[in-house]
Amino acid sequence: MKFHFLSPHKLIPTEETDAGRVDQVHGLISTAGCWTVPIMVEKDVLFVMDGHHRLEVALRLGLRAVPVILLDYRRVRVEAWRAGETIAPADIYDMARSRQKFPIKTTRHIVLDDLPACDVSLDDLRQWYEPLDGSERRAG
């Protein structure tokens, strides 16, 4: 499993975020000067499975790309965070297609494989570009 680079504007959020948590994550990423945790993204529809706060930070920082892991529900299990609630992949697909959002901390995605580490400078993510042929590259 490897990470890819995608524009944060291509990703579809499916959950609300907490402004205080976005501020906290923004501070951590800005201080580090690099991106170390890829955003988990459904591979076909491109909705965020895990990393909604990181996506907000990427947009706030004006990044042209973010590291993502492209996944599907054969490699990811989904649960509800709140006791007594159930959530199924079909519910998340429906939410993504409607462009609406669940309340914060509705879905919990658990990856069944080890995720790759990444360490990409914010400067590289600000300079990234997508060639006309659609292949993935980054400046550097």
C-alpha atoms as a PDB file:
ATOM      1  CA  MET A   1       0.000   0.000   0.000  1.00  0.00           C
ATOM      2  CA  LYS A   2       1.352   3.432  -0.918  1.00  0.00           C
ATOM      3  CA  PHE A   3       0.139   6.972  -0.711  1.00  0.00           C
ATOM      4  CA  HIS A   4      -0.769   9.201  -3.643  1.00  0.00           C
ATOM      5  CA  PHE A   5      -1.095  12.955  -4.073  1.00  0.00           C
ATOM      6  CA  LEU A   6      -4.468  14.539  -4.805  1.00  0.00           C
ATOM      7  CA  SER A   7      -5.781  18.073  -4.737  1.00  0.00           C
ATOM      8  CA  PRO A   8      -7.719  18.649  -1.515  1.00  0.00           C
ATOM      9  CA  HIS A   9     -10.433  20.230  -3.691  1.00  0.00           C
ATOM     10  CA  LYS A  10     -11.128  16.803  -5.264  1.00  0.00           C
ATOM     11  CA  LEU A  11     -11.919  15.226  -1.896  1.00  0.00           C
ATOM     12  CA  ILE A  12     -15.487  15.029  -0.603  1.00  0.00           C
ATOM     13  CA  PRO A  13     -15.941  15.518   3.137  1.00  0.00           C
ATOM     14  CA  THR A  14     -18.747  13.479   4.693  1.00  0.00           C
ATOM     15  CA  GLU A  15     -18.527  14.722   8.294  1.00  0.00           C
ATOM     16  CA  GLU A  16     -18.565  18.100   9.998  1.00  0.00           C
ATOM     17  CA  THR A  17     -15.417  19.233  11.788  1.00  0.00           C
ATOM     18  CA  ASP A  18     -14.726  20.897  15.109  1.00  0.00           C
ATOM     19  CA  ALA A  19     -13.145  24.359  14.652  1.00  0.00           C
ATOM     20  CA  GLY A  20     -11.030  23.976  17.794  1.00  0.00           C
ATOM     21  CA  ARG A  21      -9.656  20.647  16.606  1.00  0.00           C
ATOM     22  CA  VAL A  22      -8.919  22.130  13.157  1.00  0.00           C
ATOM     23  CA  ASP A  23      -6.950  24.921  14.884  1.00  0.00           C
ATOM     24  CA  GLN A  24      -5.036  22.354  16.945  1.00  0.00           C
ATOM     25  CA  VAL A  25      -4.162  20.162  13.922  1.00  0.00           C
ATOM     26  CA  HIS A  26      -3.257  23.284  11.927  1.00  0.00           C
ATOM     27  CA  GLY A  27      -0.767  24.249  14.633  1.00  0.00           C
ATOM     28  CA  LEU A  28       0.791  20.784  14.733  1.00  0.00           C
ATOM     29  CA  ILE A  29       1.190  20.515  10.953  1.00  0.00           C
ATOM     30  CA  SER A  30       2.444  24.091  10.554  1.00  0.00           C
ATOM     31  CA  THR A  31       4.992  23.702  13.342  1.00  0.00           C
ATOM     32  CA  ALA A  32       6.260  20.412  11.913  1.00  0.00           C
ATOM     33  CA  GLY A  33       6.466  21.914   8.414  1.00  0.00           C
ATOM     34  CA  CYS A  34       5.515  18.566   6.923  1.00  0.00           C
ATOM     35  CA  TRP A  35       2.581  16.223   6.377  1.00  0.00           C
ATOM     36  CA  THR A  36       2.991  12.910   8.185  1.00  0.00           C
ATOM     37  CA  VAL A  37      -0.433  11.217   8.163  1.00  0.00           C
ATOM     38  CA  PRO A  38      -2.142  10.559   4.813  1.00  0.00           C
ATOM     39  CA  ILE A  39      -5.878  11.178   4.523  1.00  0.00           C
ATOM     40  CA  MET A  40      -7.873   7.966   4.024  1.00  0.00           C
ATOM     41  CA  VAL A  41     -10.020   8.317   0.899  1.00  0.00           C
ATOM     42  CA  GLU A  42     -12.523   6.004  -0.812  1.00  0.00           C
ATOM     43  CA  LYS A  43     -10.843   5.155  -4.125  1.00  0.00           C
ATOM     44  CA  ASP A  44     -13.758   5.604  -6.559  1.00  0.00           C
ATOM     45  CA  VAL A  45     -15.924   8.433  -5.211  1.00  0.00           C
ATOM     46  CA  LEU A  46     -13.029  10.184  -3.368  1.00  0.00           C
ATOM     47  CA  PHE A  47     -14.856  10.816  -0.119  1.00  0.00           C
ATOM     48  CA  VAL A  48     -12.872  11.173   3.078  1.00  0.00           C
ATOM     49  CA  MET A  49     -12.991   8.113   5.304  1.00  0.00           C
ATOM     50  CA  ASP A  50     -10.601   9.492   7.929  1.00  0.00           C
ATOM     51  CA  GLY A  51      -8.928  12.883   7.997  1.00  0.00           C
ATOM     52  CA  HIS A  52     -11.671  15.509   7.836  1.00  0.00           C
ATOM     53  CA  HIS A  53      -9.766  17.854  10.145  1.00  0.00           C
ATOM     54  CA  ARG A  54      -6.559  17.379   8.150  1.00  0.00           C
ATOM     55  CA  LEU A  55      -8.491  18.167   4.955  1.00  0.00           C
ATOM     56  CA  GLU A  56      -9.692  21.451   6.497  1.00  0.00           C
ATOM     57  CA  VAL A  57      -6.095  22.262   7.432  1.00  0.00           C
ATOM     58  CA  ALA A  58      -4.913  21.550   3.872  1.00  0.00           C
ATOM     59  CA  LEU A  59      -7.539  23.923   2.507  1.00  0.00           C
ATOM     60  CA  ARG A  60      -6.653  26.565   5.100  1.00  0.00           C
ATOM     61  CA  LEU A  61      -2.944  26.280   4.186  1.00  0.00           C
ATOM     62  CA  GLY A  62      -3.721  26.550   0.489  1.00  0.00           C
ATOM     63  CA  LEU A  63      -2.019  23.250  -0.318  1.00  0.00           C
ATOM     64  CA  ARG A  64      -2.290  22.137  -3.925  1.00  0.00           C
ATOM     65  CA  ALA A  65      -1.996  18.460  -2.924  1.00  0.00           C
ATOM     66  CA  VAL A  66      -2.235  16.203   0.096  1.00  0.00           C
ATOM     67  CA  PRO A  67      -0.997  12.657   0.637  1.00  0.00           C
ATOM     68  CA  VAL A  68      -3.921  10.217   0.497  1.00  0.00           C
ATOM     69  CA  ILE A  69      -4.395   6.479   0.820  1.00  0.00           C
ATOM     70  CA  LEU A  70      -6.954   5.185  -1.678  1.00  0.00           C
ATOM     71  CA  LEU A  71      -9.075   2.457  -0.078  1.00  0.00           C
ATOM     72  CA  ASP A  72     -12.309   0.526  -0.412  1.00  0.00           C
ATOM     73  CA  TYR A  73     -14.505  -1.344   2.035  1.00  0.00           C
ATOM     74  CA  ARG A  74     -12.752  -4.631   1.410  1.00  0.00           C
ATOM     75  CA  ARG A  75      -9.803  -3.195   3.358  1.00  0.00           C
ATOM     76  CA  VAL A  76     -11.700  -0.960   5.774  1.00  0.00           C
ATOM     77  CA  ARG A  77     -14.325  -1.680   8.414  1.00  0.00           C
ATOM     78  CA  VAL A  78     -16.764   1.064   9.376  1.00  0.00           C
ATOM     79  CA  GLU A  79     -18.456   1.543  12.749  1.00  0.00           C
ATOM     80  CA  ALA A  80     -20.514   4.243  14.414  1.00  0.00           C
ATOM     81  CA  TRP A  81     -18.800   6.216  17.166  1.00  0.00           C
ATOM     82  CA  ARG A  82     -21.976   6.535  19.260  1.00  0.00           C
ATOM     83  CA  ALA A  83     -23.407   3.579  21.126  1.00  0.00           C
ATOM     84  CA  GLY A  84     -26.676   2.320  19.680  1.00  0.00           C
ATOM     85  CA  GLU A  85     -26.083   3.816  16.228  1.00  0.00           C
ATOM     86  CA  THR A  86     -25.218   1.838  13.138  1.00  0.00           C
ATOM     87  CA  ILE A  87     -23.562   3.044   9.982  1.00  0.00           C
ATOM     88  CA  ALA A  88     -23.020   1.142   6.753  1.00  0.00           C
ATOM     89  CA  PRO A  89     -20.852   1.941   3.732  1.00  0.00           C
ATOM     90  CA  ALA A  90     -24.018   2.575   1.699  1.00  0.00           C
ATOM     91  CA  ASP A  91     -24.956   5.373   4.125  1.00  0.00           C
ATOM     92  CA  ILE A  92     -21.602   7.044   3.554  1.00  0.00           C
ATOM     93  CA  TYR A  93     -21.820   6.721  -0.232  1.00  0.00           C
ATOM     94  CA  ASP A  94     -25.275   8.315  -0.085  1.00  0.00           C
ATOM     95  CA  MET A  95     -23.972  11.185   2.036  1.00  0.00           C
ATOM     96  CA  ALA A  96     -21.043  11.774  -0.332  1.00  0.00           C
ATOM     97  CA  ARG A  97     -23.311  11.826  -3.373  1.00  0.00           C
ATOM     98  CA  SER A  98     -25.696  14.274  -1.684  1.00  0.00           C
ATOM     99  CA  ARG A  99     -22.768  16.551  -0.684  1.00  0.00           C
ATOM    100  CA  GLN A 100     -24.243  16.748   2.799  1.00  0.00           C
ATOM    101  CA  LYS A 101     -22.339  15.888   5.982  1.00  0.00           C
ATOM    102  CA  PHE A 102     -22.862  13.693   9.019  1.00  0.00           C
ATOM    103  CA  PRO A 103     -22.364  15.307  12.428  1.00  0.00           C
ATOM    104  CA  ILE A 104     -18.806  15.224  13.745  1.00  0.00           C
ATOM    105  CA  LYS A 105     -17.599  11.799  14.876  1.00  0.00           C
ATOM    106  CA  THR A 106     -20.356   9.764  13.227  1.00  0.00           C
ATOM    107  CA  THR A 107     -18.219   7.268  11.324  1.00  0.00           C
ATOM    108  CA  ARG A 108     -15.166   5.387  12.487  1.00  0.00           C
ATOM    109  CA  HIS A 109     -13.099   3.769   9.730  1.00  0.00           C
ATOM    110  CA  ILE A 110     -10.704   1.010  10.772  1.00  0.00           C
ATOM    111  CA  VAL A 111      -8.065  -0.012   8.248  1.00  0.00           C
ATOM    112  CA  LEU A 112      -7.346  -3.724   8.153  1.00  0.00           C
ATOM    113  CA  ASP A 113      -3.796  -3.213   6.812  1.00  0.00           C
ATOM    114  CA  ASP A 114      -0.865  -1.164   8.040  1.00  0.00           C
ATOM    115  CA  LEU A 115      -0.837   2.346   6.637  1.00  0.00           C
ATOM    116  CA  PRO A 116       2.360   3.665   5.082  1.00  0.00           C
ATOM    117  CA  ALA A 117       4.199   6.465   6.772  1.00  0.00           C
ATOM    118  CA  CYS A 118       4.762   9.691   4.905  1.00  0.00           C
ATOM    119  CA  ASP A 119       6.886  12.749   5.473  1.00  0.00           C
ATOM    120  CA  VAL A 120       6.233  15.379   2.804  1.00  0.00           C
ATOM    121  CA  SER A 121       7.204  19.008   3.227  1.00  0.00           C
ATOM    122  CA  LEU A 122       4.457  21.595   3.125  1.00  0.00           C
ATOM    123  CA  ASP A 123       6.502  23.480   0.531  1.00  0.00           C
ATOM    124  CA  ASP A 124       6.322  20.460  -1.801  1.00  0.00           C
ATOM    125  CA  LEU A 125       2.564  20.235  -1.262  1.00  0.00           C
ATOM    126  CA  ARG A 126       2.181  23.930  -2.068  1.00  0.00           C
ATOM    127  CA  GLN A 127       4.123  23.498  -5.335  1.00  0.00           C
ATOM    128  CA  TRP A 128       2.602  20.204  -6.485  1.00  0.00           C
ATOM    129  CA  TYR A 129       1.092  20.113  -9.939  1.00  0.00           C
ATOM    130  CA  GLU A 130      -0.991  17.696 -11.981  1.00  0.00           C
ATOM    131  CA  PRO A 131       0.273  17.214 -15.544  1.00  0.00           C
ATOM    132  CA  LEU A 132      -2.151  17.377 -18.445  1.00  0.00           C
ATOM    133  CA  ASP A 133      -1.878  13.614 -19.043  1.00  0.00           C
ATOM    134  CA  GLY A 134      -3.467  12.949 -15.619  1.00  0.00           C
ATOM    135  CA  SER A 135      -0.472  11.131 -14.129  1.00  0.00           C
ATOM    136  CA  GLU A 136       0.445  12.044 -10.575  1.00  0.00           C
ATOM    137  CA  ARG A 137       3.577  14.081  -9.980  1.00  0.00           C
ATOM    138  CA  ARG A 138       4.774  16.674  -7.583  1.00  0.00           C
ATOM    139  CA  ALA A 139       7.158  19.537  -8.023  1.00  0.00           C
ATOM    140  CA  GLY A 140      10.496  19.318  -6.373  1.00  0.00           C
END
